[in-house]
């Protein structure tokens, strides 16, 4: 299981509705939105488990990438009360080693991935996080303001 974590000032997800006629036109508006915190893109592979989802949530919640009073990244979302936006992203398991078109074979099928992404969300909420989400299997537009910029990849 992989997480691409970005420290953000704000972030939101809009879903593009099929009837909008264009993949670039948002449908009904934001489905998930946060202020200061973390935007986390979550990818699931074939051998991931609920235990890994819990470990990823713990890592996200306690990852020290927020500044302390000395400007040192020494605080976590748990410490600062940062909000978290979780967005499912199978492309985190894209393999680009050969050719020009990524292979998605390492990504788990939707039936396996959806409950594990939801397990990450629920584990974060159980730890006290305010969590917003995108919509699984939807075409989403993700808007964010990366703070720093700070971007970290986590794998469990």
C-alpha atoms as a PDB file:
ATOM      1  CA  UNK A   1       0.000   0.000   0.000  1.00  0.00           C
ATOM      2  CA  UNK A   2       1.339   3.405  -0.974  1.00  0.00           C
ATOM      3  CA  UNK A   3       0.548   6.904   0.102  1.00  0.00           C
ATOM      4  CA  UNK A   4       1.700  10.055  -1.637  1.00  0.00           C
ATOM      5  CA  UNK A   5       1.368  12.693   1.068  1.00  0.00           C
ATOM      6  CA  UNK A   6       1.369  16.420   0.438  1.00  0.00           C
ATOM      7  CA  UNK A   7       1.269  19.049   3.152  1.00  0.00           C
ATOM      8  CA  UNK A   8      -1.348  21.545   2.001  1.00  0.00           C
ATOM      9  CA  UNK A   9      -2.864  24.893   2.890  1.00  0.00           C
ATOM     10  CA  UNK A  10      -6.123  23.671   1.362  1.00  0.00           C
ATOM     11  CA  UNK A  11      -7.349  20.937  -0.962  1.00  0.00           C
ATOM     12  CA  UNK A  12     -10.571  19.790  -2.551  1.00  0.00           C
ATOM     13  CA  UNK A  13     -11.897  17.138  -4.903  1.00  0.00           C
ATOM     14  CA  UNK A  14     -14.513  17.723  -7.569  1.00  0.00           C
ATOM     15  CA  UNK A  15     -16.121  14.876  -9.475  1.00  0.00           C
ATOM     16  CA  UNK A  16     -16.563  15.142 -13.214  1.00  0.00           C
ATOM     17  CA  UNK A  17     -19.994  13.811 -14.086  1.00  0.00           C
ATOM     18  CA  UNK A  18     -20.269  11.784 -17.317  1.00  0.00           C
ATOM     19  CA  UNK A  19     -23.247  13.804 -18.481  1.00  0.00           C
ATOM     20  CA  UNK A  20     -21.230  17.044 -18.313  1.00  0.00           C
ATOM     21  CA  UNK A  21     -20.035  16.300 -21.850  1.00  0.00           C
ATOM     22  CA  UNK A  22     -16.368  16.904 -21.119  1.00  0.00           C
ATOM     23  CA  UNK A  23     -13.833  15.270 -18.840  1.00  0.00           C
ATOM     24  CA  UNK A  24     -12.722  18.751 -17.834  1.00  0.00           C
ATOM     25  CA  UNK A  25     -16.049  20.161 -16.611  1.00  0.00           C
ATOM     26  CA  UNK A  26     -16.901  19.550 -12.958  1.00  0.00           C
ATOM     27  CA  UNK A  27     -20.284  18.110 -12.176  1.00  0.00           C
ATOM     28  CA  UNK A  28     -22.088  18.904  -8.950  1.00  0.00           C
ATOM     29  CA  UNK A  29     -19.163  20.495  -7.071  1.00  0.00           C
ATOM     30  CA  UNK A  30     -16.753  19.475  -4.354  1.00  0.00           C
ATOM     31  CA  UNK A  31     -17.190  16.054  -2.791  1.00  0.00           C
ATOM     32  CA  UNK A  32     -14.345  16.508  -0.305  1.00  0.00           C
ATOM     33  CA  UNK A  33     -12.623  19.627   0.977  1.00  0.00           C
ATOM     34  CA  UNK A  34     -10.121  20.490   3.715  1.00  0.00           C
ATOM     35  CA  UNK A  35      -8.196  23.466   5.039  1.00  0.00           C
ATOM     36  CA  UNK A  36      -4.654  23.126   6.364  1.00  0.00           C
ATOM     37  CA  UNK A  37      -3.464  19.536   6.599  1.00  0.00           C
ATOM     38  CA  UNK A  38      -2.561  16.644   4.330  1.00  0.00           C
ATOM     39  CA  UNK A  39      -3.740  15.560   0.911  1.00  0.00           C
ATOM     40  CA  UNK A  40      -3.060  11.838   0.654  1.00  0.00           C
ATOM     41  CA  UNK A  41      -3.270   9.843  -2.563  1.00  0.00           C
ATOM     42  CA  UNK A  42      -3.651   6.143  -1.691  1.00  0.00           C
ATOM     43  CA  UNK A  43      -2.734   3.253  -3.975  1.00  0.00           C
ATOM     44  CA  UNK A  44      -3.498  -0.405  -3.276  1.00  0.00           C
ATOM     45  CA  UNK A  45      -1.724  -3.458  -4.666  1.00  0.00           C
ATOM     46  CA  UNK A  46      -2.705  -7.139  -4.783  1.00  0.00           C
ATOM     47  CA  UNK A  47      -1.254  -8.322  -1.475  1.00  0.00           C
ATOM     48  CA  UNK A  48      -2.471  -5.430   0.683  1.00  0.00           C
ATOM     49  CA  UNK A  49      -4.524  -6.192   3.773  1.00  0.00           C
ATOM     50  CA  UNK A  50      -6.609  -4.363   6.395  1.00  0.00           C
ATOM     51  CA  UNK A  51      -3.563  -4.529   8.699  1.00  0.00           C
ATOM     52  CA  UNK A  52      -1.514  -2.624   6.112  1.00  0.00           C
ATOM     53  CA  UNK A  53      -4.314  -0.082   5.772  1.00  0.00           C
ATOM     54  CA  UNK A  54      -4.144   0.476   9.538  1.00  0.00           C
ATOM     55  CA  UNK A  55      -0.344   0.856   9.411  1.00  0.00           C
ATOM     56  CA  UNK A  56      -0.621   3.378   6.575  1.00  0.00           C
ATOM     57  CA  UNK A  57      -3.190   5.385   8.537  1.00  0.00           C
ATOM     58  CA  UNK A  58      -0.919   5.377  11.584  1.00  0.00           C
ATOM     59  CA  UNK A  59       2.041   6.528   9.481  1.00  0.00           C
ATOM     60  CA  UNK A  60      -0.013   9.327   7.884  1.00  0.00           C
ATOM     61  CA  UNK A  61      -1.392  10.537  11.228  1.00  0.00           C
ATOM     62  CA  UNK A  62       1.992  10.551  12.988  1.00  0.00           C
ATOM     63  CA  UNK A  63       4.325  11.594  10.142  1.00  0.00           C
ATOM     64  CA  UNK A  64       6.238  14.631  11.373  1.00  0.00           C
ATOM     65  CA  UNK A  65       6.105  17.039   8.418  1.00  0.00           C
ATOM     66  CA  UNK A  66       4.607  20.145  10.054  1.00  0.00           C
ATOM     67  CA  UNK A  67       6.854  22.885  11.419  1.00  0.00           C
ATOM     68  CA  UNK A  68       7.394  23.397  15.123  1.00  0.00           C
ATOM     69  CA  UNK A  69       8.077  26.790  16.729  1.00  0.00           C
ATOM     70  CA  UNK A  70      11.659  26.678  15.370  1.00  0.00           C
ATOM     71  CA  UNK A  71      10.620  25.994  11.775  1.00  0.00           C
ATOM     72  CA  UNK A  72      11.724  22.352  11.970  1.00  0.00           C
ATOM     73  CA  UNK A  73       9.438  19.628  10.618  1.00  0.00           C
ATOM     74  CA  UNK A  74       8.831  18.049  13.985  1.00  0.00           C
ATOM     75  CA  UNK A  75       5.035  17.917  14.297  1.00  0.00           C
ATOM     76  CA  UNK A  76       2.451  15.544  12.887  1.00  0.00           C
ATOM     77  CA  UNK A  77      -1.141  15.987  11.779  1.00  0.00           C
ATOM     78  CA  UNK A  78      -2.051  14.508  15.164  1.00  0.00           C
ATOM     79  CA  UNK A  79      -0.045  17.264  16.881  1.00  0.00           C
ATOM     80  CA  UNK A  80      -1.419  20.198  14.876  1.00  0.00           C
ATOM     81  CA  UNK A  81      -4.969  18.948  14.294  1.00  0.00           C
ATOM     82  CA  UNK A  82      -4.449  18.914  10.553  1.00  0.00           C
ATOM     83  CA  UNK A  83      -7.279  17.798   8.329  1.00  0.00           C
ATOM     84  CA  UNK A  84      -6.757  14.969   5.847  1.00  0.00           C
ATOM     85  CA  UNK A  85      -8.114  14.539   2.340  1.00  0.00           C
ATOM     86  CA  UNK A  86      -7.830  10.927   1.130  1.00  0.00           C
ATOM     87  CA  UNK A  87      -8.029  10.294  -2.606  1.00  0.00           C
ATOM     88  CA  UNK A  88      -7.847   6.808  -4.112  1.00  0.00           C
ATOM     89  CA  UNK A  89      -5.260   6.684  -6.905  1.00  0.00           C
ATOM     90  CA  UNK A  90      -4.489   3.387  -8.639  1.00  0.00           C
ATOM     91  CA  UNK A  91      -1.888   5.135 -10.813  1.00  0.00           C
ATOM     92  CA  UNK A  92       0.525   5.116  -7.853  1.00  0.00           C
ATOM     93  CA  UNK A  93       1.204   1.521  -8.934  1.00  0.00           C
ATOM     94  CA  UNK A  94       1.900   2.443 -12.555  1.00  0.00           C
ATOM     95  CA  UNK A  95       5.022   0.706 -13.881  1.00  0.00           C
ATOM     96  CA  UNK A  96       6.947   2.888 -16.340  1.00  0.00           C
ATOM     97  CA  UNK A  97      10.124   0.811 -16.643  1.00  0.00           C
ATOM     98  CA  UNK A  98       9.286  -0.407 -20.153  1.00  0.00           C
ATOM     99  CA  UNK A  99       7.819   1.386 -23.110  1.00  0.00           C
ATOM    100  CA  UNK A 100       5.919   4.639 -23.052  1.00  0.00           C
ATOM    101  CA  UNK A 101       2.587   3.480 -21.681  1.00  0.00           C
ATOM    102  CA  UNK A 102       2.467   2.617 -17.976  1.00  0.00           C
ATOM    103  CA  UNK A 103       1.361  -0.841 -16.937  1.00  0.00           C
ATOM    104  CA  UNK A 104      -1.301  -0.906 -14.232  1.00  0.00           C
ATOM    105  CA  UNK A 105      -0.954  -4.627 -13.466  1.00  0.00           C
ATOM    106  CA  UNK A 106       0.418  -4.004  -9.955  1.00  0.00           C
ATOM    107  CA  UNK A 107      -2.686  -2.055  -8.944  1.00  0.00           C
ATOM    108  CA  UNK A 108      -5.325  -4.030  -7.090  1.00  0.00           C
ATOM    109  CA  UNK A 109      -8.708  -4.475  -8.796  1.00  0.00           C
ATOM    110  CA  UNK A 110     -11.425  -2.051  -7.657  1.00  0.00           C
ATOM    111  CA  UNK A 111     -13.291  -4.720  -5.677  1.00  0.00           C
ATOM    112  CA  UNK A 112     -10.204  -5.253  -3.518  1.00  0.00           C
ATOM    113  CA  UNK A 113      -8.967  -1.656  -3.420  1.00  0.00           C
ATOM    114  CA  UNK A 114     -12.184   0.145  -2.425  1.00  0.00           C
ATOM    115  CA  UNK A 115     -12.603  -1.492   0.996  1.00  0.00           C
ATOM    116  CA  UNK A 116      -8.909  -1.008   1.784  1.00  0.00           C
ATOM    117  CA  UNK A 117      -8.978   2.694   0.948  1.00  0.00           C
ATOM    118  CA  UNK A 118     -12.075   2.969   3.129  1.00  0.00           C
ATOM    119  CA  UNK A 119     -10.177   1.107   5.886  1.00  0.00           C
ATOM    120  CA  UNK A 120      -7.465   3.796   5.767  1.00  0.00           C
ATOM    121  CA  UNK A 121     -10.144   6.495   6.083  1.00  0.00           C
ATOM    122  CA  UNK A 122     -11.848   4.759   8.995  1.00  0.00           C
ATOM    123  CA  UNK A 123      -8.528   4.112  10.769  1.00  0.00           C
ATOM    124  CA  UNK A 124      -7.645   7.811  10.482  1.00  0.00           C
ATOM    125  CA  UNK A 125     -11.046   8.798  11.857  1.00  0.00           C
ATOM    126  CA  UNK A 126     -10.628   6.338  14.729  1.00  0.00           C
ATOM    127  CA  UNK A 127      -7.386   8.137  15.597  1.00  0.00           C
ATOM    128  CA  UNK A 128      -9.241  11.459  15.781  1.00  0.00           C
ATOM    129  CA  UNK A 129      -8.601  12.872  12.310  1.00  0.00           C
ATOM    130  CA  UNK A 130     -11.123  14.976  10.415  1.00  0.00           C
ATOM    131  CA  UNK A 131     -11.112  13.213   7.040  1.00  0.00           C
ATOM    132  CA  UNK A 132     -12.641  14.159   3.717  1.00  0.00           C
ATOM    133  CA  UNK A 133     -12.497  11.914   0.652  1.00  0.00           C
ATOM    134  CA  UNK A 134     -12.810  11.791  -3.071  1.00  0.00           C
ATOM    135  CA  UNK A 135     -15.164   9.341  -4.767  1.00  0.00           C
ATOM    136  CA  UNK A 136     -13.821   5.894  -5.635  1.00  0.00           C
ATOM    137  CA  UNK A 137     -13.697   5.112  -9.390  1.00  0.00           C
ATOM    138  CA  UNK A 138     -14.884   8.593 -10.349  1.00  0.00           C
ATOM    139  CA  UNK A 139     -13.031  10.970 -12.630  1.00  0.00           C
ATOM    140  CA  UNK A 140     -11.870  13.585 -10.138  1.00  0.00           C
ATOM    141  CA  UNK A 141     -10.311  16.999 -10.326  1.00  0.00           C
ATOM    142  CA  UNK A 142      -8.026  17.552  -7.336  1.00  0.00           C
ATOM    143  CA  UNK A 143      -7.164  21.118  -6.440  1.00  0.00           C
ATOM    144  CA  UNK A 144      -4.550  21.764  -3.793  1.00  0.00           C
ATOM    145  CA  UNK A 145      -2.102  24.327  -2.547  1.00  0.00           C
ATOM    146  CA  UNK A 146       1.045  22.435  -1.566  1.00  0.00           C
ATOM    147  CA  UNK A 147       2.629  24.034   1.499  1.00  0.00           C
ATOM    148  CA  UNK A 148       6.406  24.102   1.352  1.00  0.00           C
ATOM    149  CA  UNK A 149       6.253  22.337  -1.027  1.00  0.00           C
ATOM    150  CA  UNK A 150       6.310  19.176   1.053  1.00  0.00           C
ATOM    151  CA  UNK A 151       5.612  15.834  -0.656  1.00  0.00           C
ATOM    152  CA  UNK A 152       6.491  12.449   0.835  1.00  0.00           C
ATOM    153  CA  UNK A 153       5.900   8.911  -0.384  1.00  0.00           C
ATOM    154  CA  UNK A 154       5.108   6.242   2.208  1.00  0.00           C
ATOM    155  CA  UNK A 155       4.921   2.518   1.583  1.00  0.00           C
ATOM    156  CA  UNK A 156       3.802  -0.098   4.124  1.00  0.00           C
END
